[in-house]
C-alpha atoms as a PDB file:
ATOM      1  CA  MET A   1      96.224 207.194 116.977  1.00  0.00           C
ATOM      2  CA  LYS A   2      96.006 210.283 119.147  1.00  0.00           C
ATOM      3  CA  VAL A   3      92.964 211.211 121.229  1.00  0.00           C
ATOM      4  CA  THR A   4      92.302 214.288 123.353  1.00  0.00           C
ATOM      5  CA  TRP A   5      89.872 214.452 126.245  1.00  0.00           C
ATOM      6  CA  LYS A   6      88.631 217.921 127.167  1.00  0.00           C
ATOM      7  CA  LEU A   7      88.083 218.023 130.917  1.00  0.00           C
ATOM      8  CA  PRO A   8      85.329 219.829 132.848  1.00  0.00           C
ATOM      9  CA  ASP A   9      87.903 222.107 134.509  1.00  0.00           C
ATOM     10  CA  GLY A  10      89.048 223.411 131.108  1.00  0.00           C
ATOM     11  CA  GLY A  11      92.152 221.225 130.973  1.00  0.00           C
ATOM     12  CA  GLU A  12      92.977 218.598 128.382  1.00  0.00           C
ATOM     13  CA  LYS A  13      94.601 215.195 128.384  1.00  0.00           C
ATOM     14  CA  THR A  14      96.073 213.779 125.177  1.00  0.00           C
ATOM     15  CA  ALA A  15      97.377 210.248 124.659  1.00  0.00           C
ATOM     16  CA  GLU A  16      98.498 207.833 121.984  1.00  0.00           C
ATOM     17  CA  VAL A  17      96.075 204.910 121.728  1.00  0.00           C
ATOM     18  CA  GLU A  18      96.652 201.581 120.007  1.00  0.00           C
ATOM     19  CA  THR A  19      94.274 200.488 117.254  1.00  0.00           C
ATOM     20  CA  GLY A  20      91.480 198.315 118.623  1.00  0.00           C
ATOM     21  CA  THR A  21      91.487 199.864 122.098  1.00  0.00           C
ATOM     22  CA  SER A  22      88.204 201.261 123.365  1.00  0.00           C
ATOM     23  CA  MET A  23      88.194 204.919 124.295  1.00  0.00           C
ATOM     24  CA  MET A  24      87.019 203.898 127.785  1.00  0.00           C
ATOM     25  CA  GLN A  25      90.044 201.652 128.276  1.00  0.00           C
ATOM     26  CA  ALA A  26      92.334 204.341 126.869  1.00  0.00           C
ATOM     27  CA  ALA A  27      90.859 206.884 129.307  1.00  0.00           C
ATOM     28  CA  VAL A  28      91.270 204.545 132.278  1.00  0.00           C
ATOM     29  CA  ASP A  29      94.835 203.643 131.228  1.00  0.00           C
ATOM     30  CA  ASN A  30      95.694 207.341 130.983  1.00  0.00           C
ATOM     31  CA  ASN A  31      93.974 208.384 134.233  1.00  0.00           C
ATOM     32  CA  VAL A  32      91.445 210.670 132.578  1.00  0.00           C
ATOM     33  CA  PRO A  33      89.384 212.185 135.409  1.00  0.00           C
ATOM     34  CA  GLY A  34      85.649 211.507 135.168  1.00  0.00           C
ATOM     35  CA  ILE A  35      85.921 208.305 133.114  1.00  0.00           C
ATOM     36  CA  ILE A  36      85.486 205.376 135.465  1.00  0.00           C
ATOM     37  CA  GLY A  37      84.519 202.433 133.264  1.00  0.00           C
ATOM     38  CA  GLU A  38      83.001 200.674 136.250  1.00  0.00           C
ATOM     39  CA  CYS A  39      81.684 197.708 134.224  1.00  0.00           C
ATOM     40  CA  GLY A  40      84.960 197.257 132.328  1.00  0.00           C
ATOM     41  CA  GLY A  41      83.390 197.967 128.971  1.00  0.00           C
ATOM     42  CA  THR A  42      80.581 195.418 129.055  1.00  0.00           C
ATOM     43  CA  LEU A  43      77.926 198.051 128.286  1.00  0.00           C
ATOM     44  CA  SER A  44      76.221 197.621 131.637  1.00  0.00           C
ATOM     45  CA  CYS A  45      76.812 201.065 133.136  1.00  0.00           C
ATOM     46  CA  ALA A  46      77.235 204.615 131.912  1.00  0.00           C
ATOM     47  CA  THR A  47      80.353 205.631 133.839  1.00  0.00           C
ATOM     48  CA  CYS A  48      82.321 206.178 130.622  1.00  0.00           C
ATOM     49  CA  HIS A  49      79.875 208.708 129.165  1.00  0.00           C
ATOM     50  CA  VAL A  50      81.468 211.330 126.914  1.00  0.00           C
ATOM     51  CA  TYR A  51      80.394 213.954 124.422  1.00  0.00           C
ATOM     52  CA  VAL A  52      81.947 213.520 120.995  1.00  0.00           C
ATOM     53  CA  ASP A  53      83.275 216.793 119.613  1.00  0.00           C
ATOM     54  CA  GLU A  54      80.997 217.907 116.774  1.00  0.00           C
ATOM     55  CA  ALA A  55      83.785 217.647 114.194  1.00  0.00           C
ATOM     56  CA  TRP A  56      84.002 213.897 114.912  1.00  0.00           C
ATOM     57  CA  LEU A  57      80.331 212.890 115.144  1.00  0.00           C
ATOM     58  CA  ASP A  58      80.089 211.430 111.632  1.00  0.00           C
ATOM     59  CA  ARG A  59      83.254 209.367 112.046  1.00  0.00           C
ATOM     60  CA  THR A  60      82.389 207.832 115.423  1.00  0.00           C
ATOM     61  CA  GLY A  61      78.958 206.651 114.310  1.00  0.00           C
ATOM     62  CA  ALA A  62      75.719 206.505 116.230  1.00  0.00           C
ATOM     63  CA  ALA A  63      74.858 204.582 119.358  1.00  0.00           C
ATOM     64  CA  ASP A  64      73.047 201.292 118.803  1.00  0.00           C
ATOM     65  CA  ASP A  65      69.762 200.609 120.601  1.00  0.00           C
ATOM     66  CA  PHE A  66      71.366 199.108 123.716  1.00  0.00           C
ATOM     67  CA  GLU A  67      73.925 201.905 124.093  1.00  0.00           C
ATOM     68  CA  ASP A  68      71.127 204.407 123.500  1.00  0.00           C
ATOM     69  CA  ALA A  69      69.167 202.918 126.408  1.00  0.00           C
ATOM     70  CA  MET A  70      72.233 202.979 128.686  1.00  0.00           C
ATOM     71  CA  LEU A  71      72.808 206.653 127.897  1.00  0.00           C
ATOM     72  CA  ASP A  72      69.400 207.356 129.451  1.00  0.00           C
ATOM     73  CA  VAL A  73      70.857 206.453 132.866  1.00  0.00           C
ATOM     74  CA  ALA A  74      74.054 208.484 132.546  1.00  0.00           C
ATOM     75  CA  GLU A  75      74.664 210.802 135.486  1.00  0.00           C
ATOM     76  CA  ALA A  76      75.500 213.836 133.337  1.00  0.00           C
ATOM     77  CA  GLU A  77      73.106 215.520 130.937  1.00  0.00           C
ATOM     78  CA  ARG A  78      72.505 213.525 127.785  1.00  0.00           C
ATOM     79  CA  ARG A  79      73.147 215.371 124.522  1.00  0.00           C
ATOM     80  CA  ALA A  80      72.923 214.515 120.826  1.00  0.00           C
ATOM     81  CA  SER A  81      76.710 213.985 120.925  1.00  0.00           C
ATOM     82  CA  SER A  82      76.585 211.587 123.911  1.00  0.00           C
ATOM     83  CA  ARG A  83      78.284 208.222 123.581  1.00  0.00           C
ATOM     84  CA  LEU A  84      79.630 205.573 125.904  1.00  0.00           C
ATOM     85  CA  SER A  85      83.353 205.620 125.302  1.00  0.00           C
ATOM     86  CA  CYS A  86      83.539 201.834 125.689  1.00  0.00           C
ATOM     87  CA  GLN A  87      81.720 201.633 122.356  1.00  0.00           C
ATOM     88  CA  ILE A  88      84.192 203.792 120.392  1.00  0.00           C
ATOM     89  CA  GLU A  89      87.197 201.828 119.197  1.00  0.00           C
ATOM     90  CA  ALA A  90      90.503 203.360 118.143  1.00  0.00           C
ATOM     91  CA  ASP A  91      91.325 203.132 114.453  1.00  0.00           C
ATOM     92  CA  ASP A  92      93.278 205.183 111.928  1.00  0.00           C
ATOM     93  CA  ASP A  93      90.157 207.064 110.792  1.00  0.00           C
ATOM     94  CA  LEU A  94      89.812 208.502 114.306  1.00  0.00           C
ATOM     95  CA  ASP A  95      93.373 209.828 114.651  1.00  0.00           C
ATOM     96  CA  GLY A  96      93.046 213.191 116.401  1.00  0.00           C
ATOM     97  CA  LEU A  97      89.661 212.370 117.984  1.00  0.00           C
ATOM     98  CA  VAL A  98      88.387 214.851 120.583  1.00  0.00           C
ATOM     99  CA  LEU A  99      86.108 213.682 123.391  1.00  0.00           C
ATOM    100  CA  ILE A 100      84.581 215.922 126.034  1.00  0.00           C
ATOM    101  CA  VAL A 101      84.237 214.617 129.587  1.00  0.00           C
ATOM    102  CA  PRO A 102      80.867 215.778 130.991  1.00  0.00           C
ATOM    103  CA  GLN A 103      80.512 217.777 134.177  1.00  0.00           C
ATOM    104  CA  PRO A 104      79.180 215.337 136.799  1.00  0.00           C
END
């Protein structure tokens, strides 16, 4: 599937991502600025915080209770579209997904 990250500087980064890969791992593998993934996707930090583009909110689902709590400690402003990218997994239904990297 293809995913595009919109960057704080107005740029974009687009990459092909294999099914089953987390969006955090895809961002790290593709050197997306602002996505660190410090905990490696174990849901113990918020360094992979993204905003899901509004057109994709229904398809990415909602944060569970634990992710919701972790989003409270994210460095950037939390929004209704906030997710931890380690919790969004690539699949065919998300082909074309757009994620927005928050301004730190």
